[in-house]
């Protein structure tokens, strides 16, 4: 039996213990349970990261099933698109009328709290991604400026050495780059 199956069984047991049961003919039972299992499975290796951001996730009993260390895998990373998918799945099952039954009130409150915690971390990830993107754009702009500055310096050095070699007694137009002086033939060639 896999760890995910154990998590599934634990969820069913807890739902039974708290009388969070479905009617026998309820067609939504499988999708609700499957979605919750998938959400808990996804969040399991990331709970510490949520805690680091002071985000409390309910259902601590579903912690420790996805053991990435035992599988000798690198620590999983919370990715914004994957988290968004899990949030969408959870919010879609929260619209099922079963959640409005009186006997499910505390379970629904915990599920909403779970969705809220996921949404907070999702916002944090997006702010962080936007900040990194902005920083990278600023770095590129700085590098571009440095490159342009270096190219102008090379052009200026080229113009100076060329003028030293050419002794012209004609009218020489001014180059817009750093006010250097060039013969019109050379100016046309460079620009």
C-alpha atoms as a PDB file:
ATOM      1  CA  UNK A   1       0.000   0.000   0.000  1.00  0.00           C
ATOM      2  CA  UNK A   2       1.444   3.381  -1.029  1.00  0.00           C
ATOM      3  CA  UNK A   3       1.775   6.391   1.259  1.00  0.00           C
ATOM      4  CA  UNK A   4      -0.833   8.227  -0.785  1.00  0.00           C
ATOM      5  CA  UNK A   5      -3.284   5.370  -0.207  1.00  0.00           C
ATOM      6  CA  UNK A   6      -2.542   5.565   3.507  1.00  0.00           C
ATOM      7  CA  UNK A   7      -3.289   9.274   3.417  1.00  0.00           C
ATOM      8  CA  UNK A   8      -6.562   8.524   1.609  1.00  0.00           C
ATOM      9  CA  UNK A   9      -7.533   5.973   4.258  1.00  0.00           C
ATOM     10  CA  UNK A  10      -6.634   8.364   7.073  1.00  0.00           C
ATOM     11  CA  UNK A  11      -8.838  11.059   5.519  1.00  0.00           C
ATOM     12  CA  UNK A  12     -11.788   8.637   5.262  1.00  0.00           C
ATOM     13  CA  UNK A  13     -11.243   7.552   8.875  1.00  0.00           C
ATOM     14  CA  UNK A  14     -11.157  11.138  10.154  1.00  0.00           C
ATOM     15  CA  UNK A  15     -14.244  12.044   8.144  1.00  0.00           C
ATOM     16  CA  UNK A  16     -16.069   9.051   9.657  1.00  0.00           C
ATOM     17  CA  UNK A  17     -14.868   9.860  13.180  1.00  0.00           C
ATOM     18  CA  UNK A  18     -16.210  13.416  12.922  1.00  0.00           C
ATOM     19  CA  UNK A  19     -19.399  12.397  11.154  1.00  0.00           C
ATOM     20  CA  UNK A  20     -18.390  14.288   8.012  1.00  0.00           C
ATOM     21  CA  UNK A  21     -20.085  11.692   5.864  1.00  0.00           C
ATOM     22  CA  UNK A  22     -21.731  11.755   2.477  1.00  0.00           C
ATOM     23  CA  UNK A  23     -25.117  10.354   1.682  1.00  0.00           C
ATOM     24  CA  UNK A  24     -24.851   6.913   0.049  1.00  0.00           C
ATOM     25  CA  UNK A  25     -26.055   8.202  -3.323  1.00  0.00           C
ATOM     26  CA  UNK A  26     -23.901  11.371  -3.333  1.00  0.00           C
ATOM     27  CA  UNK A  27     -21.952  11.412  -6.590  1.00  0.00           C
ATOM     28  CA  UNK A  28     -19.545  14.078  -5.355  1.00  0.00           C
ATOM     29  CA  UNK A  29     -18.002  11.969  -2.594  1.00  0.00           C
ATOM     30  CA  UNK A  30     -15.225  10.498  -4.727  1.00  0.00           C
ATOM     31  CA  UNK A  31     -14.220  13.828  -6.253  1.00  0.00           C
ATOM     32  CA  UNK A  32     -14.175  15.594  -2.861  1.00  0.00           C
ATOM     33  CA  UNK A  33     -12.046  12.893  -1.253  1.00  0.00           C
ATOM     34  CA  UNK A  34      -9.711  12.577  -4.259  1.00  0.00           C
ATOM     35  CA  UNK A  35      -9.207  16.341  -4.428  1.00  0.00           C
ATOM     36  CA  UNK A  36      -8.524  16.615  -0.707  1.00  0.00           C
ATOM     37  CA  UNK A  37      -6.036  13.766  -0.883  1.00  0.00           C
ATOM     38  CA  UNK A  38      -4.252  15.445  -3.812  1.00  0.00           C
ATOM     39  CA  UNK A  39      -4.137  18.793  -2.000  1.00  0.00           C
ATOM     40  CA  UNK A  40      -2.830  17.231   1.218  1.00  0.00           C
ATOM     41  CA  UNK A  41      -0.290  15.195  -0.757  1.00  0.00           C
ATOM     42  CA  UNK A  42       0.934  18.299  -2.591  1.00  0.00           C
ATOM     43  CA  UNK A  43       1.185  20.397   0.582  1.00  0.00           C
ATOM     44  CA  UNK A  44       2.778  17.728   2.772  1.00  0.00           C
ATOM     45  CA  UNK A  45       6.450  18.371   1.893  1.00  0.00           C
ATOM     46  CA  UNK A  46       5.895  22.143   1.904  1.00  0.00           C
ATOM     47  CA  UNK A  47       4.323  22.651   5.333  1.00  0.00           C
ATOM     48  CA  UNK A  48       7.603  23.922   6.811  1.00  0.00           C
ATOM     49  CA  UNK A  49       7.817  26.603   4.139  1.00  0.00           C
ATOM     50  CA  UNK A  50       4.314  27.754   4.998  1.00  0.00           C
ATOM     51  CA  UNK A  51       5.283  27.886   8.684  1.00  0.00           C
ATOM     52  CA  UNK A  52       8.340  29.983   7.799  1.00  0.00           C
ATOM     53  CA  UNK A  53       5.912  32.554   6.389  1.00  0.00           C
ATOM     54  CA  UNK A  54       3.677  32.327   9.498  1.00  0.00           C
ATOM     55  CA  UNK A  55       0.925  30.607   7.556  1.00  0.00           C
ATOM     56  CA  UNK A  56      -0.867  28.007   9.630  1.00  0.00           C
ATOM     57  CA  UNK A  57      -2.314  25.133   7.639  1.00  0.00           C
ATOM     58  CA  UNK A  58      -5.034  23.066   9.312  1.00  0.00           C
ATOM     59  CA  UNK A  59      -5.116  19.265   9.264  1.00  0.00           C
ATOM     60  CA  UNK A  60      -1.667  18.605  10.779  1.00  0.00           C
ATOM     61  CA  UNK A  61      -2.572  14.906  10.900  1.00  0.00           C
ATOM     62  CA  UNK A  62      -1.933  14.758   7.140  1.00  0.00           C
ATOM     63  CA  UNK A  63       1.718  15.632   7.559  1.00  0.00           C
ATOM     64  CA  UNK A  64       4.540  13.164   6.948  1.00  0.00           C
ATOM     65  CA  UNK A  65       3.035  11.030   4.215  1.00  0.00           C
ATOM     66  CA  UNK A  66       5.063  12.408   1.303  1.00  0.00           C
ATOM     67  CA  UNK A  67       8.590  11.606   2.489  1.00  0.00           C
ATOM     68  CA  UNK A  68      10.835  13.036  -0.200  1.00  0.00           C
ATOM     69  CA  UNK A  69      13.964  12.293   1.854  1.00  0.00           C
ATOM     70  CA  UNK A  70      13.230   8.560   1.926  1.00  0.00           C
ATOM     71  CA  UNK A  71      12.803   8.669  -1.852  1.00  0.00           C
ATOM     72  CA  UNK A  72      16.244  10.313  -2.100  1.00  0.00           C
ATOM     73  CA  UNK A  73      14.802  13.220  -4.034  1.00  0.00           C
ATOM     74  CA  UNK A  74      15.732  16.884  -3.717  1.00  0.00           C
ATOM     75  CA  UNK A  75      13.507  18.993  -1.508  1.00  0.00           C
ATOM     76  CA  UNK A  76      10.380  19.842  -3.494  1.00  0.00           C
ATOM     77  CA  UNK A  77       9.851  23.482  -4.372  1.00  0.00           C
ATOM     78  CA  UNK A  78       6.490  25.231  -4.178  1.00  0.00           C
ATOM     79  CA  UNK A  79       5.796  26.502  -7.675  1.00  0.00           C
ATOM     80  CA  UNK A  80       3.207  29.161  -8.284  1.00  0.00           C
ATOM     81  CA  UNK A  81       1.365  27.416 -11.174  1.00  0.00           C
ATOM     82  CA  UNK A  82       1.152  24.098  -9.300  1.00  0.00           C
ATOM     83  CA  UNK A  83      -0.081  25.788  -6.135  1.00  0.00           C
ATOM     84  CA  UNK A  84      -2.654  27.696  -8.186  1.00  0.00           C
ATOM     85  CA  UNK A  85      -3.890  24.420  -9.707  1.00  0.00           C
ATOM     86  CA  UNK A  86      -4.332  22.919  -6.233  1.00  0.00           C
ATOM     87  CA  UNK A  87      -6.155  26.046  -5.064  1.00  0.00           C
ATOM     88  CA  UNK A  88      -8.473  25.899  -8.070  1.00  0.00           C
ATOM     89  CA  UNK A  89      -9.266  22.245  -7.403  1.00  0.00           C
ATOM     90  CA  UNK A  90      -9.951  22.880  -3.734  1.00  0.00           C
ATOM     91  CA  UNK A  91     -12.129  25.918  -4.417  1.00  0.00           C
ATOM     92  CA  UNK A  92     -14.120  23.984  -7.030  1.00  0.00           C
ATOM     93  CA  UNK A  93     -15.052  21.243  -4.557  1.00  0.00           C
ATOM     94  CA  UNK A  94     -15.913  23.832  -1.895  1.00  0.00           C
ATOM     95  CA  UNK A  95     -18.812  24.872  -4.135  1.00  0.00           C
ATOM     96  CA  UNK A  96     -20.477  21.475  -3.834  1.00  0.00           C
ATOM     97  CA  UNK A  97     -23.706  21.727  -1.786  1.00  0.00           C
ATOM     98  CA  UNK A  98     -22.533  18.985   0.619  1.00  0.00           C
ATOM     99  CA  UNK A  99     -20.327  21.564   2.363  1.00  0.00           C
ATOM    100  CA  UNK A 100     -23.427  23.534   3.420  1.00  0.00           C
ATOM    101  CA  UNK A 101     -24.773  20.689   5.577  1.00  0.00           C
ATOM    102  CA  UNK A 102     -24.761  21.407   9.304  1.00  0.00           C
ATOM    103  CA  UNK A 103     -22.743  18.316  10.215  1.00  0.00           C
ATOM    104  CA  UNK A 104     -19.870  19.452   7.950  1.00  0.00           C
ATOM    105  CA  UNK A 105     -19.511  22.998   9.349  1.00  0.00           C
ATOM    106  CA  UNK A 106     -16.189  22.556  11.153  1.00  0.00           C
ATOM    107  CA  UNK A 107     -14.721  20.575   8.255  1.00  0.00           C
ATOM    108  CA  UNK A 108     -15.725  23.329   5.830  1.00  0.00           C
ATOM    109  CA  UNK A 109     -14.186  25.980   8.091  1.00  0.00           C
ATOM    110  CA  UNK A 110     -10.902  24.070   8.099  1.00  0.00           C
ATOM    111  CA  UNK A 111     -11.018  23.570   4.321  1.00  0.00           C
ATOM    112  CA  UNK A 112     -11.611  27.306   3.819  1.00  0.00           C
ATOM    113  CA  UNK A 113      -8.741  28.050   6.211  1.00  0.00           C
ATOM    114  CA  UNK A 114      -6.561  25.709   4.156  1.00  0.00           C
ATOM    115  CA  UNK A 115      -7.518  27.506   0.941  1.00  0.00           C
ATOM    116  CA  UNK A 116      -6.845  30.874   2.595  1.00  0.00           C
ATOM    117  CA  UNK A 117      -3.364  29.751   3.694  1.00  0.00           C
ATOM    118  CA  UNK A 118      -2.612  28.513   0.194  1.00  0.00           C
ATOM    119  CA  UNK A 119      -3.796  31.836  -1.267  1.00  0.00           C
ATOM    120  CA  UNK A 120      -1.515  33.797   1.099  1.00  0.00           C
ATOM    121  CA  UNK A 121       1.506  31.742   0.069  1.00  0.00           C
ATOM    122  CA  UNK A 122       0.511  32.086  -3.591  1.00  0.00           C
ATOM    123  CA  UNK A 123       0.472  35.884  -3.209  1.00  0.00           C
ATOM    124  CA  UNK A 124       3.865  35.732  -1.504  1.00  0.00           C
ATOM    125  CA  UNK A 125       5.282  33.678  -4.397  1.00  0.00           C
ATOM    126  CA  UNK A 126       3.907  36.099  -6.988  1.00  0.00           C
ATOM    127  CA  UNK A 127       5.282  39.149  -5.160  1.00  0.00           C
ATOM    128  CA  UNK A 128       8.637  37.412  -4.895  1.00  0.00           C
ATOM    129  CA  UNK A 129       8.598  36.468  -8.594  1.00  0.00           C
ATOM    130  CA  UNK A 130       7.684  40.037  -9.606  1.00  0.00           C
ATOM    131  CA  UNK A 131      10.460  41.403  -7.416  1.00  0.00           C
ATOM    132  CA  UNK A 132      13.006  39.017  -8.957  1.00  0.00           C
ATOM    133  CA  UNK A 133      11.826  39.856 -12.472  1.00  0.00           C
ATOM    134  CA  UNK A 134      12.133  43.590 -11.771  1.00  0.00           C
ATOM    135  CA  UNK A 135      15.604  43.123 -10.292  1.00  0.00           C
ATOM    136  CA  UNK A 136      16.717  41.102 -13.316  1.00  0.00           C
ATOM    137  CA  UNK A 137      15.381  43.754 -15.683  1.00  0.00           C
ATOM    138  CA  UNK A 138      17.320  46.403 -13.770  1.00  0.00           C
ATOM    139  CA  UNK A 139      20.483  44.290 -14.004  1.00  0.00           C
ATOM    140  CA  UNK A 140      20.021  43.916 -17.761  1.00  0.00           C
ATOM    141  CA  UNK A 141      19.541  47.676 -18.100  1.00  0.00           C
ATOM    142  CA  UNK A 142      22.743  48.278 -16.151  1.00  0.00           C
ATOM    143  CA  UNK A 143      24.649  45.812 -18.318  1.00  0.00           C
ATOM    144  CA  UNK A 144      23.202  47.384 -21.479  1.00  0.00           C
ATOM    145  CA  UNK A 145      24.263  50.840 -20.283  1.00  0.00           C
ATOM    146  CA  UNK A 146      27.755  49.581 -19.526  1.00  0.00           C
ATOM    147  CA  UNK A 147      27.961  47.957 -22.965  1.00  0.00           C
ATOM    148  CA  UNK A 148      26.803  51.155 -24.696  1.00  0.00           C
ATOM    149  CA  UNK A 149      29.251  53.199 -22.648  1.00  0.00           C
ATOM    150  CA  UNK A 150      32.094  50.827 -23.591  1.00  0.00           C
ATOM    151  CA  UNK A 151      31.124  50.994 -27.262  1.00  0.00           C
ATOM    152  CA  UNK A 152      31.139  54.804 -27.184  1.00  0.00           C
ATOM    153  CA  UNK A 153      34.544  54.715 -25.525  1.00  0.00           C
ATOM    154  CA  UNK A 154      35.855  52.439 -28.292  1.00  0.00           C
ATOM    155  CA  UNK A 155      34.324  54.731 -30.931  1.00  0.00           C
ATOM    156  CA  UNK A 156      35.853  57.780 -29.290  1.00  0.00           C
ATOM    157  CA  UNK A 157      39.286  56.107 -29.205  1.00  0.00           C
ATOM    158  CA  UNK A 158      38.880  55.079 -32.849  1.00  0.00           C
ATOM    159  CA  UNK A 159      37.952  58.648 -33.844  1.00  0.00           C
ATOM    160  CA  UNK A 160      40.854  60.169 -31.957  1.00  0.00           C
ATOM    161  CA  UNK A 161      43.417  57.807 -33.469  1.00  0.00           C
ATOM    162  CA  UNK A 162      41.959  58.295 -36.938  1.00  0.00           C
ATOM    163  CA  UNK A 163      42.108  62.074 -36.662  1.00  0.00           C
ATOM    164  CA  UNK A 164      45.688  61.870 -35.511  1.00  0.00           C
ATOM    165  CA  UNK A 165      46.575  59.930 -38.669  1.00  0.00           C
ATOM    166  CA  UNK A 166      44.560  62.127 -41.057  1.00  0.00           C
ATOM    167  CA  UNK A 167      45.495  65.725 -41.420  1.00  0.00           C
ATOM    168  CA  UNK A 168      42.566  67.326 -43.248  1.00  0.00           C
ATOM    169  CA  UNK A 169      42.227  71.001 -44.001  1.00  0.00           C
ATOM    170  CA  UNK A 170      38.527  70.862 -44.784  1.00  0.00           C
ATOM    171  CA  UNK A 171      35.485  71.681 -42.707  1.00  0.00           C
ATOM    172  CA  UNK A 172      34.852  68.763 -40.353  1.00  0.00           C
ATOM    173  CA  UNK A 173      31.335  68.129 -38.990  1.00  0.00           C
ATOM    174  CA  UNK A 174      30.807  67.377 -35.307  1.00  0.00           C
ATOM    175  CA  UNK A 175      29.844  63.847 -34.319  1.00  0.00           C
ATOM    176  CA  UNK A 176      26.819  63.661 -31.972  1.00  0.00           C
ATOM    177  CA  UNK A 177      28.625  61.088 -29.866  1.00  0.00           C
ATOM    178  CA  UNK A 178      30.613  62.903 -27.195  1.00  0.00           C
ATOM    179  CA  UNK A 179      31.169  65.943 -29.461  1.00  0.00           C
ATOM    180  CA  UNK A 180      34.078  64.401 -31.320  1.00  0.00           C
ATOM    181  CA  UNK A 181      35.155  65.656 -34.723  1.00  0.00           C
ATOM    182  CA  UNK A 182      35.063  63.497 -37.866  1.00  0.00           C
ATOM    183  CA  UNK A 183      35.375  63.984 -41.586  1.00  0.00           C
ATOM    184  CA  UNK A 184      31.962  63.689 -43.279  1.00  0.00           C
ATOM    185  CA  UNK A 185      32.918  60.509 -45.161  1.00  0.00           C
ATOM    186  CA  UNK A 186      33.913  58.746 -41.962  1.00  0.00           C
ATOM    187  CA  UNK A 187      30.886  60.154 -40.119  1.00  0.00           C
ATOM    188  CA  UNK A 188      28.524  58.665 -42.733  1.00  0.00           C
ATOM    189  CA  UNK A 189      30.306  55.326 -42.533  1.00  0.00           C
ATOM    190  CA  UNK A 190      30.100  55.158 -38.709  1.00  0.00           C
ATOM    191  CA  UNK A 191      26.502  56.293 -38.357  1.00  0.00           C
END
